[in-house]
Amino acid sequence: MGMNKNTVLGWATLIMVIMGLILIGLGVYKYADVAGWGFCAVGVGFLANAWVFSALKGRV
């Protein structure tokens, strides 16, 4: 089973979406103080990168 570039980008997108949601969840529920803002910001960054990977999936 070979993985081409689009498959790799698809898996990377899925992993980054999951990690972004986990980080946002940690920021909202576990760290409700100032550290939570950082977790949420990094989670939004992960979601933005996943969006870019998803956009690149058909073009690479």
PDB file of N, CA and C in Angstrom:
ATOM      1  N   MET A   1       0.843  -1.177   0.000  1.00  0.00           N
ATOM      2  CA  MET A   1       0.000   0.000   0.000  1.00  0.00           C
ATOM      3  C   MET A   1       0.889   1.242   0.000  1.00  0.00           C
ATOM      4  N   GLY A   2       0.951   1.914  -1.122  1.00  0.00           N
ATOM      5  CA  GLY A   2       1.753   3.126  -1.206  1.00  0.00           C
ATOM      6  C   GLY A   2       0.925   4.356  -0.888  1.00  0.00           C
ATOM      7  N   MET A   3       1.590   5.283  -0.277  1.00  0.00           N
ATOM      8  CA  MET A   3       0.909   6.540   0.040  1.00  0.00           C
ATOM      9  C   MET A   3       1.476   7.631  -0.862  1.00  0.00           C
ATOM     10  N   ASN A   4       0.611   8.261  -1.622  1.00  0.00           N
ATOM     11  CA  ASN A   4       1.074   9.368  -2.448  1.00  0.00           C
ATOM     12  C   ASN A   4       0.996  10.675  -1.651  1.00  0.00           C
ATOM     13  N   LYS A   5       1.336  11.767  -2.305  1.00  0.00           N
ATOM     14  CA  LYS A   5       1.387  13.055  -1.604  1.00  0.00           C
ATOM     15  C   LYS A   5       0.020  13.497  -1.088  1.00  0.00           C
ATOM     16  N   ASN A   6      -1.024  13.223  -1.857  1.00  0.00           N
ATOM     17  CA  ASN A   6      -2.358  13.635  -1.418  1.00  0.00           C
ATOM     18  C   ASN A   6      -2.819  12.859  -0.195  1.00  0.00           C
ATOM     19  N   THR A   7      -2.451  11.579  -0.109  1.00  0.00           N
ATOM     20  CA  THR A   7      -2.814  10.787   1.066  1.00  0.00           C
ATOM     21  C   THR A   7      -2.090  11.290   2.304  1.00  0.00           C
ATOM     22  N   VAL A   8      -0.817  11.625   2.138  1.00  0.00           N
ATOM     23  CA  VAL A   8      -0.044  12.152   3.266  1.00  0.00           C
ATOM     24  C   VAL A   8      -0.633  13.479   3.742  1.00  0.00           C
ATOM     25  N   LEU A   9      -0.991  14.348   2.807  1.00  0.00           N
ATOM     26  CA  LEU A   9      -1.606  15.625   3.193  1.00  0.00           C
ATOM     27  C   LEU A   9      -2.968  15.415   3.854  1.00  0.00           C
ATOM     28  N   GLY A  10      -3.707  14.415   3.410  1.00  0.00           N
ATOM     29  CA  GLY A  10      -4.996  14.116   4.045  1.00  0.00           C
ATOM     30  C   GLY A  10      -4.825  13.661   5.486  1.00  0.00           C
ATOM     31  N   TRP A  11      -3.866  12.768   5.719  1.00  0.00           N
ATOM     32  CA  TRP A  11      -3.610  12.317   7.096  1.00  0.00           C
ATOM     33  C   TRP A  11      -3.085  13.449   7.959  1.00  0.00           C
ATOM     34  N   ALA A  12      -2.195  14.271   7.402  1.00  0.00           N
ATOM     35  CA  ALA A  12      -1.668  15.407   8.166  1.00  0.00           C
ATOM     36  C   ALA A  12      -2.787  16.376   8.532  1.00  0.00           C
ATOM     37  N   THR A  13      -3.716  16.596   7.605  1.00  0.00           N
ATOM     38  CA  THR A  13      -4.853  17.474   7.885  1.00  0.00           C
ATOM     39  C   THR A  13      -5.701  16.918   9.018  1.00  0.00           C
ATOM     40  N   LEU A  14      -5.987  15.627   8.960  1.00  0.00           N
ATOM     41  CA  LEU A  14      -6.800  15.005  10.004  1.00  0.00           C
ATOM     42  C   LEU A  14      -6.123  15.089  11.369  1.00  0.00           C
ATOM     43  N   ILE A  15      -4.837  14.780  11.424  1.00  0.00           N
ATOM     44  CA  ILE A  15      -4.106  14.831  12.691  1.00  0.00           C
ATOM     45  C   ILE A  15      -4.060  16.252  13.235  1.00  0.00           C
ATOM     46  N   MET A  16      -3.851  17.238  12.365  1.00  0.00           N
ATOM     47  CA  MET A  16      -3.770  18.620  12.831  1.00  0.00           C
ATOM     48  C   MET A  16      -5.128  19.141  13.300  1.00  0.00           C
ATOM     49  N   VAL A  17      -6.206  18.714  12.671  1.00  0.00           N
ATOM     50  CA  VAL A  17      -7.539  19.119  13.138  1.00  0.00           C
ATOM     51  C   VAL A  17      -7.809  18.534  14.517  1.00  0.00           C
ATOM     52  N   ILE A  18      -7.469  17.263  14.692  1.00  0.00           N
ATOM     53  CA  ILE A  18      -7.687  16.628  15.998  1.00  0.00           C
ATOM     54  C   ILE A  18      -6.857  17.316  17.074  1.00  0.00           C
ATOM     55  N   MET A  19      -5.579  17.571  16.782  1.00  0.00           N
ATOM     56  CA  MET A  19      -4.715  18.232  17.775  1.00  0.00           C
ATOM     57  C   MET A  19      -5.192  19.653  18.069  1.00  0.00           C
ATOM     58  N   GLY A  20      -5.653  20.371  17.037  1.00  0.00           N
ATOM     59  CA  GLY A  20      -6.165  21.721  17.256  1.00  0.00           C
ATOM     60  C   GLY A  20      -7.376  21.733  18.160  1.00  0.00           C
ATOM     61  N   LEU A  21      -8.298  20.787  17.943  1.00  0.00           N
ATOM     62  CA  LEU A  21      -9.478  20.714  18.795  1.00  0.00           C
ATOM     63  C   LEU A  21      -9.126  20.303  20.221  1.00  0.00           C
ATOM     64  N   ILE A  22      -8.146  19.408  20.369  1.00  0.00           N
ATOM     65  CA  ILE A  22      -7.702  19.017  21.709  1.00  0.00           C
ATOM     66  C   ILE A  22      -7.093  20.212  22.432  1.00  0.00           C
ATOM     67  N   LEU A  23      -6.259  20.980  21.742  1.00  0.00           N
ATOM     68  CA  LEU A  23      -5.631  22.143  22.380  1.00  0.00           C
ATOM     69  C   LEU A  23      -6.661  23.206  22.757  1.00  0.00           C
ATOM     70  N   ILE A  24      -7.627  23.434  21.897  1.00  0.00           N
ATOM     71  CA  ILE A  24      -8.673  24.405  22.231  1.00  0.00           C
ATOM     72  C   ILE A  24      -9.484  23.897  23.415  1.00  0.00           C
ATOM     73  N   GLY A  25      -9.785  22.596  23.425  1.00  0.00           N
ATOM     74  CA  GLY A  25     -10.510  22.022  24.559  1.00  0.00           C
ATOM     75  C   GLY A  25      -9.735  22.143  25.862  1.00  0.00           C
ATOM     76  N   LEU A  26      -8.417  21.910  25.809  1.00  0.00           N
ATOM     77  CA  LEU A  26      -7.595  22.090  27.006  1.00  0.00           C
ATOM     78  C   LEU A  26      -7.617  23.541  27.481  1.00  0.00           C
ATOM     79  N   GLY A  27      -7.536  24.461  26.538  1.00  0.00           N
ATOM     80  CA  GLY A  27      -7.545  25.870  26.904  1.00  0.00           C
ATOM     81  C   GLY A  27      -8.854  26.315  27.519  1.00  0.00           C
ATOM     82  N   VAL A  28      -9.945  25.739  27.064  1.00  0.00           N
ATOM     83  CA  VAL A  28     -11.253  26.154  27.572  1.00  0.00           C
ATOM     84  C   VAL A  28     -11.584  25.475  28.900  1.00  0.00           C
ATOM     85  N   TYR A  29     -11.326  24.176  28.993  1.00  0.00           N
ATOM     86  CA  TYR A  29     -11.815  23.418  30.147  1.00  0.00           C
ATOM     87  C   TYR A  29     -10.773  23.207  31.248  1.00  0.00           C
ATOM     88  N   LYS A  30      -9.535  22.890  30.889  1.00  0.00           N
ATOM     89  CA  LYS A  30      -8.566  22.560  31.933  1.00  0.00           C
ATOM     90  C   LYS A  30      -7.836  23.794  32.446  1.00  0.00           C
ATOM     91  N   TYR A  31      -7.372  24.634  31.535  1.00  0.00           N
ATOM     92  CA  TYR A  31      -6.603  25.824  31.925  1.00  0.00           C
ATOM     93  C   TYR A  31      -7.465  27.059  31.681  1.00  0.00           C
ATOM     94  N   ALA A  32      -8.277  27.409  32.650  1.00  0.00           N
ATOM     95  CA  ALA A  32      -9.217  28.520  32.483  1.00  0.00           C
ATOM     96  C   ALA A  32      -8.576  29.866  32.797  1.00  0.00           C
ATOM     97  N   ASP A  33      -7.298  29.874  33.191  1.00  0.00           N
ATOM     98  CA  ASP A  33      -6.635  31.140  33.510  1.00  0.00           C
ATOM     99  C   ASP A  33      -5.899  31.665  32.264  1.00  0.00           C
ATOM    100  N   VAL A  34      -4.834  32.398  32.477  1.00  0.00           N
ATOM    101  CA  VAL A  34      -4.119  33.039  31.367  1.00  0.00           C
ATOM    102  C   VAL A  34      -3.502  32.010  30.428  1.00  0.00           C
ATOM    103  N   ALA A  35      -3.059  30.856  30.934  1.00  0.00           N
ATOM    104  CA  ALA A  35      -2.458  29.832  30.091  1.00  0.00           C
ATOM    105  C   ALA A  35      -3.451  29.298  29.062  1.00  0.00           C
ATOM    106  N   GLY A  36      -4.730  29.343  29.384  1.00  0.00           N
ATOM    107  CA  GLY A  36      -5.752  28.875  28.454  1.00  0.00           C
ATOM    108  C   GLY A  36      -5.785  29.674  27.169  1.00  0.00           C
ATOM    109  N   TRP A  37      -5.488  30.970  27.255  1.00  0.00           N
ATOM    110  CA  TRP A  37      -5.436  31.796  26.044  1.00  0.00           C
ATOM    111  C   TRP A  37      -4.354  31.303  25.096  1.00  0.00           C
ATOM    112  N   GLY A  38      -3.220  30.907  25.651  1.00  0.00           N
ATOM    113  CA  GLY A  38      -2.139  30.388  24.808  1.00  0.00           C
ATOM    114  C   GLY A  38      -2.510  29.071  24.154  1.00  0.00           C
ATOM    115  N   PHE A  39      -3.139  28.182  24.926  1.00  0.00           N
ATOM    116  CA  PHE A  39      -3.570  26.908  24.357  1.00  0.00           C
ATOM    117  C   PHE A  39      -4.579  27.127  23.236  1.00  0.00           C
ATOM    118  N   CYS A  40      -5.512  28.038  23.450  1.00  0.00           N
ATOM    119  CA  CYS A  40      -6.518  28.316  22.419  1.00  0.00           C
ATOM    120  C   CYS A  40      -5.881  28.932  21.172  1.00  0.00           C
ATOM    121  N   ALA A  41      -4.919  29.818  21.368  1.00  0.00           N
ATOM    122  CA  ALA A  41      -4.259  30.447  20.223  1.00  0.00           C
ATOM    123  C   ALA A  41      -3.478  29.422  19.411  1.00  0.00           C
ATOM    124  N   VAL A  42      -2.779  28.525  20.082  1.00  0.00           N
ATOM    125  CA  VAL A  42      -2.041  27.486  19.367  1.00  0.00           C
ATOM    126  C   VAL A  42      -3.009  26.534  18.669  1.00  0.00           C
ATOM    127  N   GLY A  43      -4.133  26.220  19.302  1.00  0.00           N
ATOM    128  CA  GLY A  43      -5.136  25.365  18.675  1.00  0.00           C
ATOM    129  C   GLY A  43      -5.710  25.984  17.410  1.00  0.00           C
ATOM    130  N   VAL A  44      -5.965  27.284  17.436  1.00  0.00           N
ATOM    131  CA  VAL A  44      -6.453  27.976  16.237  1.00  0.00           C
ATOM    132  C   VAL A  44      -5.375  27.966  15.157  1.00  0.00           C
ATOM    133  N   GLY A  45      -4.114  28.081  15.545  1.00  0.00           N
ATOM    134  CA  GLY A  45      -3.018  27.988  14.583  1.00  0.00           C
ATOM    135  C   GLY A  45      -2.957  26.616  13.924  1.00  0.00           C
ATOM    136  N   PHE A  46      -3.182  25.569  14.708  1.00  0.00           N
ATOM    137  CA  PHE A  46      -3.217  24.216  14.148  1.00  0.00           C
ATOM    138  C   PHE A  46      -4.355  24.087  13.142  1.00  0.00           C
ATOM    139  N   LEU A  47      -5.515  24.635  13.463  1.00  0.00           N
ATOM    140  CA  LEU A  47      -6.643  24.563  12.539  1.00  0.00           C
ATOM    141  C   LEU A  47      -6.363  25.350  11.252  1.00  0.00           C
ATOM    142  N   ALA A  48      -5.662  26.475  11.369  1.00  0.00           N
ATOM    143  CA  ALA A  48      -5.307  27.251  10.174  1.00  0.00           C
ATOM    144  C   ALA A  48      -4.335  26.475   9.293  1.00  0.00           C
ATOM    145  N   ASN A  49      -3.355  25.815   9.901  1.00  0.00           N
ATOM    146  CA  ASN A  49      -2.422  25.002   9.121  1.00  0.00           C
ATOM    147  C   ASN A  49      -3.137  23.823   8.472  1.00  0.00           C
ATOM    148  N   ALA A  50      -4.075  23.221   9.168  1.00  0.00           N
ATOM    149  CA  ALA A  50      -4.838  22.116   8.589  1.00  0.00           C
ATOM    150  C   ALA A  50      -5.652  22.585   7.395  1.00  0.00           C
ATOM    151  N   TRP A  51      -6.177  23.806   7.477  1.00  0.00           N
ATOM    152  CA  TRP A  51      -6.933  24.372   6.358  1.00  0.00           C
ATOM    153  C   TRP A  51      -6.030  24.539   5.139  1.00  0.00           C
ATOM    154  N   VAL A  52      -4.803  24.993   5.350  1.00  0.00           N
ATOM    155  CA  VAL A  52      -3.847  25.149   4.252  1.00  0.00           C
ATOM    156  C   VAL A  52      -3.508  23.787   3.654  1.00  0.00           C
ATOM    157  N   PHE A  53      -3.266  22.792   4.497  1.00  0.00           N
ATOM    158  CA  PHE A  53      -2.959  21.450   3.992  1.00  0.00           C
ATOM    159  C   PHE A  53      -4.131  20.913   3.189  1.00  0.00           C
ATOM    160  N   SER A  54      -5.342  21.151   3.656  1.00  0.00           N
ATOM    161  CA  SER A  54      -6.518  20.681   2.920  1.00  0.00           C
ATOM    162  C   SER A  54      -6.637  21.384   1.581  1.00  0.00           C
ATOM    163  N   ALA A  55      -6.294  22.646   1.520  1.00  0.00           N
ATOM    164  CA  ALA A  55      -6.349  23.388   0.262  1.00  0.00           C
ATOM    165  C   ALA A  55      -5.275  22.904  -0.716  1.00  0.00           C
ATOM    166  N   LEU A  56      -4.146  22.457  -0.193  1.00  0.00           N
ATOM    167  CA  LEU A  56      -3.058  21.996  -1.054  1.00  0.00           C
ATOM    168  C   LEU A  56      -3.257  20.569  -1.549  1.00  0.00           C
ATOM    169  N   LYS A  57      -4.218  19.857  -0.978  1.00  0.00           N
ATOM    170  CA  LYS A  57      -4.334  18.420  -1.221  1.00  0.00           C
ATOM    171  C   LYS A  57      -4.473  18.083  -2.709  1.00  0.00           C
ATOM    172  N   GLY A  58      -5.206  18.817  -3.478  1.00  0.00           N
ATOM    173  CA  GLY A  58      -5.379  18.487  -4.886  1.00  0.00           C
ATOM    174  C   GLY A  58      -4.350  19.112  -5.802  1.00  0.00           C
ATOM    175  N   ARG A  59      -3.505  19.998  -5.283  1.00  0.00           N
ATOM    176  CA  ARG A  59      -2.619  20.760  -6.137  1.00  0.00           C
ATOM    177  C   ARG A  59      -1.173  20.279  -6.123  1.00  0.00           C
ATOM    178  N   VAL A  60      -0.822  19.408  -5.204  1.00  0.00           N
ATOM    179  CA  VAL A  60       0.580  18.987  -5.089  1.00  0.00           C
ATOM    180  C   VAL A  60       0.794  17.752  -5.924  1.00  0.00           C
TER     181      VAL A  60
END
